């Protein structure tokens, strides 16, 4: 029988390990909330939001369970909630490492169906995740009933083999999904993050086995037990940091620097995927004549009109349809022979506009919504055609009628006039030689505050609306 008094908590190395674990949790929380607190990135909805949140909670539970069940601190287990079966069985298993692995498997499952099967997963994440956690819950219930733990919260050898087999099974499932998507050329390092998680978790399982052997076989060697549990908690702290990744669920957030407080380089999925002409309206872009008698869907293909109409719709708190049109319009620019980019864009549109409770959910019929959600090909060029036609009809009946008499349309006409004159002046400037001194005058230095449209102007980007 193991000597329960061989090792007591409270060694200096124990406090160092606990401090490292606390620092890891703080760093994890900062890393996960950085884009939202510093860069004011709007939070996502659905699994793209709550799966990373669950990962953070599971990481905290995992580290806390190791501290409470690993004899790091001196305390009397006088209450039921301080028992080994609460921390070493339930919190460390189903609510800790098991939940952490299940979240990563759920993310890999989504990637497999989206990029290999080219469709949305048949099971929603809020159903799939509890299902794959069930084996951990069943295993914890069996251990709780059989009560095989000793006074140091350690299992007997054959129980350890069964528990390690469960850990290895989940790593093997994650390896299987990762291997199935290894040929996909991801844009945001999703596959690299999966392999990184596999490598770290497999290494940790090996370390757990070694630590158990050292603790059980050499239970009278205090320094060896103290050292092994220090390494265990230290490695687990590294695991939760390395294992956490944003790229799998929110790829745009990976473009944000976590070190420098810089502006976000890619504010939209269109820009992140390199879709041409998806940024701001250029100052030198030639203006087009807007005819109110033309069909609305044709007018919306012009960027100047679309931005003006979008600003008007946003002022009426009804801009979702116009934003949806713009992103579907950008999707149409991606070639059919680039399925990965089309899938990224299609998933982005579905998560932002189509799913129930989306951040900018559009008002379309149930038939059109289900046709999109149950599609067998996310790369199909007509995936959003029916929904787009319904929204264009709604915009014609509501927004379009009020727009033509609004100040936004008057500003657009003035803008078109200014751009037309500027374009003519720029064309004329090619036939004459202007002095560089005069062509570099800025508006703030001009006593008459007049705009200069010379080709040497440094103002390349124009913001038509505040």
Protein backbone atom coordinates (compact mmCIF):
# COMPACT_ATOMS: atom_id res chain seq x y z
CA UNK A 1 0.00 0.00 0.00
CA UNK A 2 1.29 3.46 -0.91
CA UNK A 3 2.45 5.72 1.87
CA UNK A 4 -0.02 8.62 1.91
CA UNK A 5 2.22 10.78 4.03
CA UNK A 6 5.26 10.39 1.78
CA UNK A 7 4.67 13.70 0.03
CA UNK A 8 2.75 16.72 1.26
CA UNK A 9 1.95 19.80 -0.76
CA UNK A 10 3.54 23.14 -0.23
CA UNK A 11 7.04 22.66 -1.62
CA UNK A 12 8.62 25.74 -3.29
CA UNK A 13 8.52 23.98 -6.64
CA UNK A 14 4.79 23.37 -6.12
CA UNK A 15 4.13 27.09 -5.72
CA UNK A 16 6.27 27.83 -8.77
CA UNK A 17 4.25 25.34 -10.82
CA UNK A 18 0.96 26.81 -9.58
CA UNK A 19 2.20 30.32 -10.43
CA UNK A 20 3.08 29.17 -13.96
CA UNK A 21 -0.39 27.66 -14.34
CA UNK A 22 -2.05 30.91 -13.19
CA UNK A 23 0.09 32.90 -15.63
CA UNK A 24 -0.86 30.49 -18.43
CA UNK A 25 -4.58 30.97 -17.72
CA UNK A 26 -4.21 34.77 -17.66
CA UNK A 27 -2.23 34.73 -20.90
CA UNK A 28 -4.83 32.46 -22.51
CA UNK A 29 -7.67 34.80 -21.55
CA UNK A 30 -5.75 37.82 -22.83
CA UNK A 31 -4.91 36.07 -26.08
CA UNK A 32 -8.51 35.03 -26.70
CA UNK A 33 -10.01 38.44 -25.86
CA UNK A 34 -7.30 40.65 -27.41
CA UNK A 35 -8.99 41.18 -30.81
CA UNK A 36 -12.28 42.17 -29.20
CA UNK A 37 -10.89 44.48 -26.50
CA UNK A 38 -8.09 46.23 -28.42
CA UNK A 39 -9.18 46.17 -32.07
CA UNK A 40 -12.92 46.20 -31.30
CA UNK A 41 -13.57 43.23 -33.57
CA UNK A 42 -17.28 42.29 -33.47
CA UNK A 43 -17.84 38.94 -31.80
CA UNK A 44 -18.99 36.05 -33.95
CA UNK A 45 -22.11 34.01 -33.43
CA UNK A 46 -22.64 30.28 -33.25
CA UNK A 47 -19.86 27.72 -32.97
CA UNK A 48 -17.25 30.24 -34.17
CA UNK A 49 -17.73 32.00 -30.81
CA UNK A 50 -18.69 29.44 -28.20
CA UNK A 51 -16.24 26.65 -29.16
CA UNK A 52 -13.19 28.87 -28.42
CA UNK A 53 -14.92 30.01 -25.22
CA UNK A 54 -15.46 26.40 -24.16
CA UNK A 55 -11.80 25.70 -24.94
CA UNK A 56 -10.74 28.45 -22.54
CA UNK A 57 -13.07 27.12 -19.81
CA UNK A 58 -11.88 23.54 -20.37
CA UNK A 59 -8.25 24.69 -20.17
CA UNK A 60 -8.93 26.41 -16.84
CA UNK A 61 -10.70 23.31 -15.49
CA UNK A 62 -7.85 21.11 -16.63
CA UNK A 63 -5.14 23.10 -14.87
CA UNK A 64 -7.24 23.64 -11.74
CA UNK A 65 -7.97 19.91 -11.46
CA UNK A 66 -4.25 19.09 -11.64
CA UNK A 67 -3.54 21.55 -8.84
CA UNK A 68 -6.36 20.31 -6.61
CA UNK A 69 -5.77 16.58 -7.19
CA UNK A 70 -1.98 16.61 -7.51
CA UNK A 71 -1.01 17.44 -3.90
CA UNK A 72 0.35 20.85 -4.86
CA UNK A 73 -1.35 22.63 -1.96
CA UNK A 74 -1.84 21.76 1.70
CA UNK A 75 -5.51 21.45 2.55
CA UNK A 76 -7.79 18.98 4.33
CA UNK A 77 -10.28 17.17 2.14
CA UNK A 78 -13.06 17.58 4.67
CA UNK A 79 -15.79 18.46 2.16
CA UNK A 80 -17.19 16.34 -0.64
CA UNK A 81 -16.32 18.96 -3.26
CA UNK A 82 -12.62 18.64 -2.31
CA UNK A 83 -12.52 14.90 -2.90
CA UNK A 84 -10.36 13.21 -5.53
CA UNK A 85 -13.39 12.03 -7.45
CA UNK A 86 -14.57 15.58 -8.05
CA UNK A 87 -11.23 16.96 -9.29
CA UNK A 88 -9.21 13.99 -10.59
CA UNK A 89 -12.20 12.29 -12.23
CA UNK A 90 -14.93 14.74 -13.26
CA UNK A 91 -13.15 18.09 -13.60
CA UNK A 92 -9.94 16.72 -15.12
CA UNK A 93 -11.75 14.31 -17.47
CA UNK A 94 -15.14 15.31 -18.95
CA UNK A 95 -14.81 18.99 -18.00
CA UNK A 96 -11.07 19.34 -18.64
CA UNK A 97 -8.85 17.44 -21.05
CA UNK A 98 -11.77 15.48 -22.52
CA UNK A 99 -13.72 18.64 -23.29
CA UNK A 100 -10.60 20.30 -24.70
CA UNK A 101 -9.94 17.42 -27.09
CA UNK A 102 -13.62 17.24 -28.02
CA UNK A 103 -13.64 20.91 -29.03
CA UNK A 104 -10.66 20.36 -31.30
CA UNK A 105 -12.27 17.26 -32.83
CA UNK A 106 -15.48 19.24 -33.44
CA UNK A 107 -13.48 21.92 -35.26
CA UNK A 108 -11.65 19.31 -37.35
CA UNK A 109 -15.03 17.70 -38.13
CA UNK A 110 -16.29 21.04 -39.45
CA UNK A 111 -13.19 21.55 -41.61
CA UNK A 112 -13.48 18.03 -43.03
CA UNK A 113 -17.07 18.47 -44.15
CA UNK A 114 -16.58 22.03 -45.44
CA UNK A 115 -13.39 21.54 -47.47
CA UNK A 116 -13.47 17.82 -48.34
CA UNK A 117 -17.18 17.11 -48.59
CA UNK A 118 -17.85 20.76 -49.62
CA UNK A 119 -21.00 20.98 -47.53
CA UNK A 120 -22.01 22.01 -44.04
CA UNK A 121 -21.71 19.30 -41.36
CA UNK A 122 -24.84 17.13 -41.03
CA UNK A 123 -24.78 17.58 -37.24
CA UNK A 124 -24.66 21.00 -35.65
CA UNK A 125 -21.77 21.67 -33.29
CA UNK A 126 -23.99 22.16 -30.23
CA UNK A 127 -25.20 18.57 -30.75
CA UNK A 128 -21.95 17.01 -31.97
CA UNK A 129 -19.83 18.28 -29.07
CA UNK A 130 -21.94 16.72 -26.25
CA UNK A 131 -22.04 13.45 -28.19
CA UNK A 132 -18.27 13.10 -28.37
CA UNK A 133 -17.90 14.05 -24.69
CA UNK A 134 -20.22 11.18 -23.68
CA UNK A 135 -17.43 8.53 -23.46
CA UNK A 136 -15.60 10.75 -20.96
CA UNK A 137 -18.79 11.15 -18.91
CA UNK A 138 -19.41 7.40 -18.98
CA UNK A 139 -15.82 6.66 -17.94
CA UNK A 140 -15.99 9.18 -15.10
CA UNK A 141 -19.26 7.66 -13.88
CA UNK A 142 -17.73 4.15 -13.84
CA UNK A 143 -14.69 5.31 -11.89
CA UNK A 144 -16.90 7.21 -9.45
CA UNK A 145 -18.97 4.09 -8.79
CA UNK A 146 -16.02 1.66 -8.53
CA UNK A 147 -13.92 4.13 -6.46
CA UNK A 148 -10.44 2.82 -7.40
CA UNK A 149 -8.55 5.98 -6.32
CA UNK A 150 -6.15 5.82 -3.41
CA UNK A 151 -5.56 8.59 -0.87
CA UNK A 152 -3.17 10.38 -3.27
CA UNK A 153 -5.78 10.46 -6.06
CA UNK A 154 -3.90 7.81 -8.08
CA UNK A 155 -5.43 4.92 -10.00
CA UNK A 156 -4.27 1.35 -10.03
CA UNK A 157 -2.27 0.12 -13.02
CA UNK A 158 -5.09 -1.48 -15.03
CA UNK A 159 -7.29 1.59 -14.53
CA UNK A 160 -4.49 3.82 -15.79
CA UNK A 161 -4.20 1.69 -18.92
CA UNK A 162 -7.92 2.12 -19.61
CA UNK A 163 -7.77 5.89 -19.04
CA UNK A 164 -4.71 6.29 -21.25
CA UNK A 165 -6.43 4.26 -23.99
CA UNK A 166 -9.32 6.75 -23.89
CA UNK A 167 -6.86 9.65 -24.21
CA UNK A 168 -5.09 7.90 -27.10
CA UNK A 169 -8.41 7.18 -28.83
CA UNK A 170 -9.29 10.88 -29.00
CA UNK A 171 -5.83 11.76 -30.26
CA UNK A 172 -6.21 9.05 -32.94
CA UNK A 173 -9.58 10.48 -34.02
CA UNK A 174 -8.03 13.93 -34.30
CA UNK A 175 -5.15 12.46 -36.32
CA UNK A 176 -7.69 10.79 -38.62
CA UNK A 177 -9.57 14.00 -39.38
CA UNK A 178 -6.31 15.92 -39.81
CA UNK A 179 -4.99 13.32 -42.21
CA UNK A 180 -8.18 13.51 -44.26
CA UNK A 181 -7.76 17.25 -44.83
CA UNK A 182 -3.97 17.34 -45.18
CA UNK A 183 -4.20 17.92 -48.97
CA UNK A 184 -6.27 21.11 -48.57
CA UNK A 185 -4.33 24.34 -49.06
CA UNK A 186 -5.75 26.31 -46.15
CA UNK A 187 -5.23 30.07 -46.04
CA UNK A 188 -5.16 30.59 -42.26
CA UNK A 189 -2.94 27.77 -40.88
CA UNK A 190 -5.83 25.58 -39.73
CA UNK A 191 -4.02 22.33 -40.55
CA UNK A 192 -0.82 23.48 -38.85
CA UNK A 193 -2.78 24.26 -35.69
CA UNK A 194 -4.35 20.79 -35.71
CA UNK A 195 -1.02 18.98 -36.06
CA UNK A 196 0.45 21.22 -33.40
CA UNK A 197 -2.33 20.24 -30.99
CA UNK A 198 -1.87 16.56 -31.83
CA UNK A 199 1.87 16.67 -31.21
CA UNK A 200 1.55 18.47 -27.88
CA UNK A 201 -1.33 16.32 -26.58
CA UNK A 202 0.42 13.07 -27.57
CA UNK A 203 3.59 14.24 -25.83
CA UNK A 204 1.62 15.11 -22.71
CA UNK A 205 0.00 11.67 -22.61
CA UNK A 206 3.45 10.12 -22.66
CA UNK A 207 4.52 12.43 -19.86
CA UNK A 208 1.47 11.49 -17.79
CA UNK A 209 2.34 7.80 -18.07
CA UNK A 210 5.93 8.52 -17.01
CA UNK A 211 4.81 10.71 -14.11
CA UNK A 212 2.40 8.02 -12.91
CA UNK A 213 5.09 5.35 -12.98
CA UNK A 214 7.48 7.57 -11.05
CA UNK A 215 4.85 8.43 -8.46
CA UNK A 216 3.61 4.88 -7.95
CA UNK A 217 6.79 2.86 -8.12
CA UNK A 218 8.99 5.34 -6.28
CA UNK A 219 6.41 6.70 -3.86
CA UNK A 220 8.93 6.94 -1.03
CA UNK A 221 11.31 9.20 -2.95
CA UNK A 222 9.90 12.62 -2.17
CA UNK A 223 12.07 14.68 -4.52
CA UNK A 224 11.17 12.42 -7.46
CA UNK A 225 7.45 12.80 -6.84
CA UNK A 226 7.74 16.55 -6.40
CA UNK A 227 9.76 16.85 -9.60
CA UNK A 228 7.40 14.68 -11.65
CA UNK A 229 4.28 16.60 -10.64
CA UNK A 230 6.04 19.91 -11.31
CA UNK A 231 6.88 18.78 -14.84
CA UNK A 232 3.30 17.53 -15.29
CA UNK A 233 1.67 20.86 -14.37
CA UNK A 234 4.30 22.86 -16.26
CA UNK A 235 3.72 20.85 -19.44
CA UNK A 236 -0.05 21.09 -19.02
CA UNK A 237 0.26 24.89 -18.80
CA UNK A 238 2.14 24.91 -22.08
CA UNK A 239 -0.48 22.59 -23.58
CA UNK A 240 -3.40 24.92 -22.97
CA UNK A 241 -1.53 27.79 -24.63
CA UNK A 242 -0.33 25.81 -27.63
CA UNK A 243 -3.60 23.92 -28.01
CA UNK A 244 -5.74 27.05 -28.20
CA UNK A 245 -6.15 28.43 -31.70
CA UNK A 246 -8.40 31.01 -33.28
CA UNK A 247 -7.63 30.21 -36.92
CA UNK A 248 -9.86 27.12 -37.03
CA UNK A 249 -13.05 28.92 -36.03
CA UNK A 250 -12.40 32.63 -36.70
CA UNK A 251 -9.74 32.89 -39.44
CA UNK A 252 -9.93 36.67 -39.79
CA UNK A 253 -8.74 37.13 -36.21
CA UNK A 254 -5.44 35.43 -37.08
CA UNK A 255 -4.59 38.47 -39.21
CA UNK A 256 -4.45 40.63 -36.08
CA UNK A 257 -1.09 41.15 -34.45
CA UNK A 258 -1.07 40.01 -30.80
CA UNK A 259 2.15 41.92 -30.12
CA UNK A 260 1.85 45.29 -31.84
CA UNK A 261 -1.20 47.49 -31.55
CA UNK A 262 -1.52 47.97 -35.28
CA UNK A 263 -4.59 48.49 -37.36
CA UNK A 264 -6.15 45.34 -38.78
CA UNK A 265 -4.66 44.66 -42.18
CA UNK A 266 -7.65 42.69 -43.43
CA UNK A 267 -10.99 44.00 -42.19
CA UNK A 268 -13.11 41.76 -44.42
CA UNK A 269 -12.93 38.21 -45.67
CA UNK A 270 -12.79 39.58 -49.22
CA UNK A 271 -9.54 41.40 -48.52
CA UNK A 272 -8.07 38.47 -46.59
CA UNK A 273 -8.71 36.17 -49.56
CA UNK A 274 -7.19 38.66 -51.99
CA UNK A 275 -10.35 39.26 -54.01
CA UNK A 276 -9.54 42.05 -56.52
CA UNK A 277 -11.08 45.50 -56.04
CA UNK A 278 -12.59 44.52 -52.67
CA UNK A 279 -11.17 47.45 -50.71
CA UNK A 280 -12.17 51.10 -50.55
CA UNK A 281 -13.20 53.09 -53.57
CA UNK A 282 -10.14 54.55 -55.27
CA UNK A 283 -9.97 58.28 -55.83
CA UNK A 284 -9.09 57.95 -59.51
CA UNK A 285 -11.85 55.45 -60.32
CA UNK A 286 -13.94 56.82 -63.19
CA UNK A 287 -17.47 57.71 -62.16
CA UNK A 288 -20.47 56.19 -63.92
CA UNK A 289 -23.79 57.82 -64.70
CA UNK A 290 -26.54 56.59 -62.38
CA UNK A 291 -29.91 56.18 -64.08
CA UNK A 292 -32.79 55.59 -61.60
CA UNK A 293 -34.67 53.75 -64.34
CA UNK A 294 -32.11 50.98 -64.50
CA UNK A 295 -32.76 47.76 -62.55
CA UNK A 296 -31.59 47.93 -58.95
CA UNK A 297 -29.47 44.79 -59.19
CA UNK A 298 -27.54 46.32 -62.09
CA UNK A 299 -27.03 49.61 -60.24
CA UNK A 300 -25.71 47.77 -57.18
CA UNK A 301 -22.86 46.33 -59.23
CA UNK A 302 -21.35 49.85 -59.37
CA UNK A 303 -19.24 50.44 -56.28
CA UNK A 304 -20.04 54.15 -55.89
CA UNK A 305 -23.78 53.56 -56.00
CA UNK A 306 -23.53 50.51 -53.76
CA UNK A 307 -21.61 52.41 -51.07
CA UNK A 308 -24.08 55.29 -51.17
CA UNK A 309 -27.09 52.96 -51.09
CA UNK A 310 -25.48 50.97 -48.27
CA UNK A 311 -24.91 54.13 -46.20
CA UNK A 312 -28.58 55.05 -46.68
CA UNK A 313 -29.75 51.54 -45.73
CA UNK A 314 -27.54 51.56 -42.63
CA UNK A 315 -29.04 54.90 -41.59
CA UNK A 316 -32.46 53.22 -41.79
CA UNK A 317 -31.18 50.27 -39.72
CA UNK A 318 -31.87 47.99 -42.68
CA UNK A 319 -28.45 47.55 -44.25
CA UNK A 320 -28.20 43.75 -43.97
CA UNK A 321 -29.55 43.16 -47.47
CA UNK A 322 -27.09 45.53 -49.11
CA UNK A 323 -24.15 44.11 -47.17
CA UNK A 324 -25.28 40.63 -48.21
CA UNK A 325 -25.45 41.71 -51.85
CA UNK A 326 -21.92 43.14 -51.68
CA UNK A 327 -20.39 39.99 -50.19
CA UNK A 328 -22.19 37.72 -52.68
CA UNK A 329 -20.98 40.07 -55.43
CA UNK A 330 -17.40 39.65 -54.15
CA UNK A 331 -17.88 35.88 -54.02
CA UNK A 332 -18.71 35.96 -57.73
CA UNK A 333 -15.23 37.34 -58.45
CA UNK A 334 -13.54 34.17 -57.13
CA UNK A 335 -12.84 31.71 -59.98
CA UNK A 336 -14.63 28.36 -59.94
CA UNK A 337 -11.27 26.61 -60.10
CA UNK A 338 -10.38 28.06 -56.66
CA UNK A 339 -12.75 26.00 -54.48
CA UNK A 340 -10.91 26.68 -51.21
CA UNK A 341 -11.38 30.45 -51.44
CA UNK A 342 -15.00 30.02 -52.50
CA UNK A 343 -15.65 27.77 -49.49
CA UNK A 344 -14.06 30.30 -47.13
CA UNK A 345 -16.25 33.05 -48.54
CA UNK A 346 -19.42 30.94 -48.63
CA UNK A 347 -18.98 29.84 -44.99
CA UNK A 348 -18.36 33.44 -44.01
CA UNK A 349 -21.58 34.58 -45.71
CA UNK A 350 -23.61 31.74 -44.18
CA UNK A 351 -22.33 32.42 -40.66
CA UNK A 352 -22.87 36.16 -40.98
CA UNK A 353 -26.20 36.36 -42.82
CA UNK A 354 -27.97 33.00 -43.15
CA UNK A 355 -27.92 30.95 -39.95
CA UNK A 356 -30.55 31.69 -37.32
CA UNK A 357 -29.38 34.36 -34.91
CA UNK A 358 -26.55 35.53 -37.20
CA UNK A 359 -25.02 38.95 -36.58
CA UNK A 360 -26.64 40.37 -39.75
CA UNK A 361 -29.36 37.79 -40.43
CA UNK A 362 -31.25 38.63 -43.63
CA UNK A 363 -34.98 38.33 -44.14
CA UNK A 364 -35.39 35.49 -46.63
CA UNK A 365 -37.89 32.66 -46.96
CA UNK A 366 -37.50 29.41 -45.06
CA UNK A 367 -37.19 27.54 -48.36
CA UNK A 368 -34.23 29.62 -49.53
CA UNK A 369 -32.55 29.45 -46.14
CA UNK A 370 -32.83 25.66 -45.94
CA UNK A 371 -31.65 25.29 -49.54
CA UNK A 372 -28.43 27.10 -48.60
CA UNK A 373 -27.90 25.28 -45.31
CA UNK A 374 -28.50 21.84 -46.88
CA UNK A 375 -26.48 22.41 -50.04
CA UNK A 376 -24.21 19.61 -51.22
CA UNK A 377 -21.77 22.01 -52.88
CA UNK A 378 -20.57 25.16 -51.12
CA UNK A 379 -18.71 26.18 -54.28
CA UNK A 380 -21.80 26.25 -56.52
CA UNK A 381 -22.02 29.59 -58.39
CA UNK A 382 -25.78 29.87 -57.79
CA UNK A 383 -25.72 29.01 -54.09
CA UNK A 384 -27.12 32.39 -53.00
CA UNK A 385 -29.07 33.33 -56.16
CA UNK A 386 -32.58 32.66 -54.81
CA UNK A 387 -31.91 34.48 -51.55
CA UNK A 388 -30.39 37.41 -53.46
CA UNK A 389 -33.41 37.70 -55.75
CA UNK A 390 -35.76 37.80 -52.75
CA UNK A 391 -33.74 40.54 -51.07
CA UNK A 392 -33.53 42.63 -54.24
CA UNK A 393 -37.33 42.55 -54.48
CA UNK A 394 -37.61 43.68 -50.86
CA UNK A 395 -35.13 46.50 -51.46
CA UNK A 396 -37.07 47.64 -54.54
CA UNK A 397 -40.30 47.87 -52.56
CA UNK A 398 -38.83 49.57 -49.50
CA UNK A 399 -35.38 51.14 -49.56
CA UNK A 400 -35.13 52.08 -53.24
CA UNK A 401 -38.23 54.27 -53.25
CA UNK A 402 -36.99 56.39 -50.37
CA UNK A 403 -33.40 56.48 -51.56
CA UNK A 404 -34.03 58.50 -54.74
CA UNK A 405 -35.41 61.39 -52.69
CA UNK A 406 -32.79 61.20 -49.93
CA UNK A 407 -29.74 63.35 -49.28
CA UNK A 408 -27.57 60.31 -49.94
CA UNK A 409 -28.57 60.29 -53.61
CA UNK A 410 -27.95 64.05 -53.88
CA UNK A 411 -24.48 63.58 -52.39
CA UNK A 412 -23.86 60.75 -54.85
CA UNK A 413 -24.75 62.98 -57.80
CA UNK A 414 -22.40 65.67 -56.53
CA UNK A 415 -19.70 63.08 -56.04
CA UNK A 416 -20.15 61.77 -59.56
CA UNK A 417 -19.93 65.31 -60.93
CA UNK A 418 -16.73 66.03 -58.98
CA UNK A 419 -15.17 62.74 -60.04
CA UNK A 420 -16.12 63.29 -63.68
CA UNK A 421 -14.44 66.72 -63.66
CA UNK A 422 -11.43 65.31 -61.86
CA UNK A 423 -11.13 62.50 -64.38
CA UNK A 424 -11.21 64.98 -67.27
CA UNK A 425 -8.55 67.10 -65.59
CA UNK A 426 -6.39 64.03 -65.04
CA UNK A 427 -6.76 63.10 -68.70
CA UNK A 428 -5.72 66.63 -69.67
CA UNK A 429 -2.74 66.57 -67.33
CA UNK A 430 -1.18 63.90 -69.53
CA UNK A 431 -0.90 66.38 -72.37
CA UNK A 432 0.70 69.18 -70.35
CA UNK A 433 3.70 69.44 -68.05
CA UNK A 434 2.82 70.80 -64.63
CA UNK A 435 5.33 72.09 -62.13
CA UNK A 436 6.00 69.52 -59.39
CA UNK A 437 5.81 72.34 -56.84
CA UNK A 438 2.24 73.17 -57.84
CA UNK A 439 1.11 69.61 -58.30
CA UNK A 440 1.98 68.72 -54.70
CA UNK A 441 -0.18 71.35 -52.99
CA UNK A 442 -2.41 69.72 -50.35
CA UNK A 443 -5.92 70.88 -49.58
CA UNK A 444 -4.97 72.05 -46.10
CA UNK A 445 -2.26 74.30 -47.61
CA UNK A 446 -4.53 75.72 -50.28
CA UNK A 447 -5.96 79.12 -49.17
CA UNK A 448 -9.15 78.40 -51.12
CA UNK A 449 -9.39 74.77 -49.82
CA UNK A 450 -9.83 73.43 -53.32
CA UNK A 451 -9.29 69.78 -54.20
CA UNK A 452 -6.44 69.06 -56.60
CA UNK A 453 -6.73 66.05 -58.85
CA UNK A 454 -3.18 65.91 -60.14
CA UNK A 455 -1.56 62.56 -60.73
CA UNK A 456 1.10 63.35 -58.14
CA UNK A 457 -1.38 63.71 -55.29
CA UNK A 458 -0.67 61.60 -52.26
CA UNK A 459 -4.35 61.03 -51.49
CA UNK A 460 -4.94 57.64 -53.05
CA UNK A 461 -7.89 56.52 -50.99
CA UNK A 462 -11.17 58.41 -50.91
CA UNK A 463 -13.86 57.96 -48.31
CA UNK A 464 -17.13 59.18 -49.86
CA UNK A 465 -19.09 58.91 -46.63
CA UNK A 466 -18.20 59.48 -43.02
